[in-house]
């Protein structure tokens, strides 16, 4: 399993998606809910001469309007992360009238 494969699966959900955050300008306003932001933390390791292993911690955050969207959550779990161990966390963001559902997981890739 690679991070690129997981990102491609998320893209097939046809939701707006951005790494870290959406860049908001007069030409590109913030997308309407629901949307996904994802965060990546990476460590590379290997032998003395060359890094051969990439350890990746990823968090894909689904933002929905006022309440969780069980249909989208089900699709993520069934179509995207079906073969990945993940941790799921849900937080209500009252100040923004939205809910964040976070899917966190770790994978290791050979470089």
C-alpha atoms as a PDB file:
ATOM      1  CA  UNK A   1       0.000   0.000   0.000  1.00  0.00           C
ATOM      2  CA  UNK A   2       1.297   3.449  -0.902  1.00  0.00           C
ATOM      3  CA  UNK A   3       0.198   6.924   0.091  1.00  0.00           C
ATOM      4  CA  UNK A   4      -0.369   7.767  -3.584  1.00  0.00           C
ATOM      5  CA  UNK A   5      -2.858   4.883  -3.845  1.00  0.00           C
ATOM      6  CA  UNK A   6      -4.775   6.118  -0.814  1.00  0.00           C
ATOM      7  CA  UNK A   7      -4.841   9.705  -2.122  1.00  0.00           C
ATOM      8  CA  UNK A   8      -6.161   8.471  -5.471  1.00  0.00           C
ATOM      9  CA  UNK A   9      -8.927   6.527  -3.700  1.00  0.00           C
ATOM     10  CA  UNK A  10      -9.932   9.659  -1.776  1.00  0.00           C
ATOM     11  CA  UNK A  11     -10.014  11.647  -5.039  1.00  0.00           C
ATOM     12  CA  UNK A  12     -12.539   9.159  -6.450  1.00  0.00           C
ATOM     13  CA  UNK A  13     -15.003  10.332  -3.785  1.00  0.00           C
ATOM     14  CA  UNK A  14     -15.257  13.567  -5.836  1.00  0.00           C
ATOM     15  CA  UNK A  15     -15.020  15.866  -2.819  1.00  0.00           C
ATOM     16  CA  UNK A  16     -12.861  18.996  -2.777  1.00  0.00           C
ATOM     17  CA  UNK A  17      -9.499  17.976  -1.295  1.00  0.00           C
ATOM     18  CA  UNK A  18      -6.315  19.809  -0.313  1.00  0.00           C
ATOM     19  CA  UNK A  19      -2.975  19.099   1.307  1.00  0.00           C
ATOM     20  CA  UNK A  20      -2.825  21.029   4.615  1.00  0.00           C
ATOM     21  CA  UNK A  21      -5.341  23.732   3.641  1.00  0.00           C
ATOM     22  CA  UNK A  22      -7.211  25.309   0.766  1.00  0.00           C
ATOM     23  CA  UNK A  23      -5.621  28.425  -0.690  1.00  0.00           C
ATOM     24  CA  UNK A  24      -8.398  30.990  -0.626  1.00  0.00           C
ATOM     25  CA  UNK A  25      -8.249  33.914  -3.037  1.00  0.00           C
ATOM     26  CA  UNK A  26     -10.771  36.114  -4.829  1.00  0.00           C
ATOM     27  CA  UNK A  27     -10.641  33.663  -7.745  1.00  0.00           C
ATOM     28  CA  UNK A  28     -10.720  30.495  -5.655  1.00  0.00           C
ATOM     29  CA  UNK A  29     -13.055  30.864  -2.667  1.00  0.00           C
ATOM     30  CA  UNK A  30     -13.300  28.234   0.045  1.00  0.00           C
ATOM     31  CA  UNK A  31     -15.157  25.140  -1.155  1.00  0.00           C
ATOM     32  CA  UNK A  32     -18.591  24.366   0.181  1.00  0.00           C
ATOM     33  CA  UNK A  33     -18.932  21.543   2.673  1.00  0.00           C
ATOM     34  CA  UNK A  34     -18.238  18.661   2.650  1.00  0.00           C
ATOM     35  CA  UNK A  35     -14.524  18.668   1.863  1.00  0.00           C
ATOM     36  CA  UNK A  36     -11.300  16.909   2.882  1.00  0.00           C
ATOM     37  CA  UNK A  37      -7.953  18.273   4.061  1.00  0.00           C
ATOM     38  CA  UNK A  38      -5.049  15.957   4.658  1.00  0.00           C
ATOM     39  CA  UNK A  39      -1.797  16.230   6.589  1.00  0.00           C
ATOM     40  CA  UNK A  40       1.324  14.137   6.041  1.00  0.00           C
ATOM     41  CA  UNK A  41       4.270  13.565   8.379  1.00  0.00           C
ATOM     42  CA  UNK A  42       7.164  11.569   6.926  1.00  0.00           C
ATOM     43  CA  UNK A  43      10.372  10.040   8.278  1.00  0.00           C
ATOM     44  CA  UNK A  44      12.949   8.394   6.033  1.00  0.00           C
ATOM     45  CA  UNK A  45      15.454   5.836   7.225  1.00  0.00           C
ATOM     46  CA  UNK A  46      17.778   3.193   5.891  1.00  0.00           C
ATOM     47  CA  UNK A  47      21.400   2.158   5.727  1.00  0.00           C
ATOM     48  CA  UNK A  48      24.434   4.393   6.197  1.00  0.00           C
ATOM     49  CA  UNK A  49      24.591   5.151   2.481  1.00  0.00           C
ATOM     50  CA  UNK A  50      20.963   5.567   1.447  1.00  0.00           C
ATOM     51  CA  UNK A  51      17.469   5.964   2.869  1.00  0.00           C
ATOM     52  CA  UNK A  52      15.392   2.989   1.774  1.00  0.00           C
ATOM     53  CA  UNK A  53      12.287   3.191   3.986  1.00  0.00           C
ATOM     54  CA  UNK A  54       9.647   5.909   4.334  1.00  0.00           C
ATOM     55  CA  UNK A  55       7.439   5.894   7.455  1.00  0.00           C
ATOM     56  CA  UNK A  56       4.335   7.999   6.872  1.00  0.00           C
ATOM     57  CA  UNK A  57       1.769   9.209   9.385  1.00  0.00           C
ATOM     58  CA  UNK A  58      -1.278  10.634   7.651  1.00  0.00           C
ATOM     59  CA  UNK A  59      -4.461  12.320   8.764  1.00  0.00           C
ATOM     60  CA  UNK A  60      -7.377  12.793   6.379  1.00  0.00           C
ATOM     61  CA  UNK A  61      -9.971  15.170   7.805  1.00  0.00           C
ATOM     62  CA  UNK A  62     -13.536  15.188   6.525  1.00  0.00           C
ATOM     63  CA  UNK A  63     -15.385  18.435   7.240  1.00  0.00           C
ATOM     64  CA  UNK A  64     -19.188  18.361   7.129  1.00  0.00           C
ATOM     65  CA  UNK A  65     -21.989  20.828   7.835  1.00  0.00           C
ATOM     66  CA  UNK A  66     -23.272  20.782  11.464  1.00  0.00           C
ATOM     67  CA  UNK A  67     -23.470  16.995  11.844  1.00  0.00           C
ATOM     68  CA  UNK A  68     -21.533  13.903  10.763  1.00  0.00           C
ATOM     69  CA  UNK A  69     -22.286  12.573   7.287  1.00  0.00           C
ATOM     70  CA  UNK A  70     -22.591   8.836   7.814  1.00  0.00           C
ATOM     71  CA  UNK A  71     -22.909   8.186   4.068  1.00  0.00           C
ATOM     72  CA  UNK A  72     -19.537   9.762   3.274  1.00  0.00           C
ATOM     73  CA  UNK A  73     -17.932   8.148   6.325  1.00  0.00           C
ATOM     74  CA  UNK A  74     -19.186   4.767   5.172  1.00  0.00           C
ATOM     75  CA  UNK A  75     -17.768   5.345   1.683  1.00  0.00           C
ATOM     76  CA  UNK A  76     -14.372   6.323   3.119  1.00  0.00           C
ATOM     77  CA  UNK A  77     -14.255   3.215   5.279  1.00  0.00           C
ATOM     78  CA  UNK A  78     -15.568   0.902   2.539  1.00  0.00           C
ATOM     79  CA  UNK A  79     -13.918   2.328  -0.613  1.00  0.00           C
ATOM     80  CA  UNK A  80     -10.756   4.086   0.577  1.00  0.00           C
ATOM     81  CA  UNK A  81      -9.421   2.648   3.822  1.00  0.00           C
ATOM     82  CA  UNK A  82     -10.776  -0.891   3.530  1.00  0.00           C
ATOM     83  CA  UNK A  83      -7.264  -2.408   3.697  1.00  0.00           C
ATOM     84  CA  UNK A  84      -5.639   0.114   6.060  1.00  0.00           C
ATOM     85  CA  UNK A  85      -5.710   0.095   9.863  1.00  0.00           C
ATOM     86  CA  UNK A  86      -6.925   3.522  10.990  1.00  0.00           C
ATOM     87  CA  UNK A  87      -8.021   5.535  14.000  1.00  0.00           C
ATOM     88  CA  UNK A  88     -11.183   7.602  13.705  1.00  0.00           C
ATOM     89  CA  UNK A  89     -11.972  10.697  15.752  1.00  0.00           C
ATOM     90  CA  UNK A  90     -14.852  13.136  15.548  1.00  0.00           C
ATOM     91  CA  UNK A  91     -14.926  16.722  16.830  1.00  0.00           C
ATOM     92  CA  UNK A  92     -17.694  19.297  16.609  1.00  0.00           C
ATOM     93  CA  UNK A  93     -16.374  22.776  15.711  1.00  0.00           C
ATOM     94  CA  UNK A  94     -19.100  25.038  17.095  1.00  0.00           C
ATOM     95  CA  UNK A  95     -17.484  28.297  15.982  1.00  0.00           C
ATOM     96  CA  UNK A  96     -17.591  27.130  12.343  1.00  0.00           C
ATOM     97  CA  UNK A  97     -20.876  25.159  12.501  1.00  0.00           C
ATOM     98  CA  UNK A  98     -19.124  22.047  11.228  1.00  0.00           C
ATOM     99  CA  UNK A  99     -17.938  18.613  12.254  1.00  0.00           C
ATOM    100  CA  UNK A 100     -14.447  17.243  11.647  1.00  0.00           C
ATOM    101  CA  UNK A 101     -14.085  13.489  11.248  1.00  0.00           C
ATOM    102  CA  UNK A 102     -10.428  12.537  11.230  1.00  0.00           C
ATOM    103  CA  UNK A 103      -8.980   9.308   9.847  1.00  0.00           C
ATOM    104  CA  UNK A 104      -5.411   8.761  11.068  1.00  0.00           C
ATOM    105  CA  UNK A 105      -3.117   5.962   9.920  1.00  0.00           C
ATOM    106  CA  UNK A 106       0.510   4.951   9.518  1.00  0.00           C
ATOM    107  CA  UNK A 107       2.070   3.203   6.528  1.00  0.00           C
ATOM    108  CA  UNK A 108       5.585   2.188   5.571  1.00  0.00           C
ATOM    109  CA  UNK A 109       6.854   2.385   1.983  1.00  0.00           C
ATOM    110  CA  UNK A 110      10.012   1.144   0.341  1.00  0.00           C
ATOM    111  CA  UNK A 111      11.785   3.905  -1.556  1.00  0.00           C
END
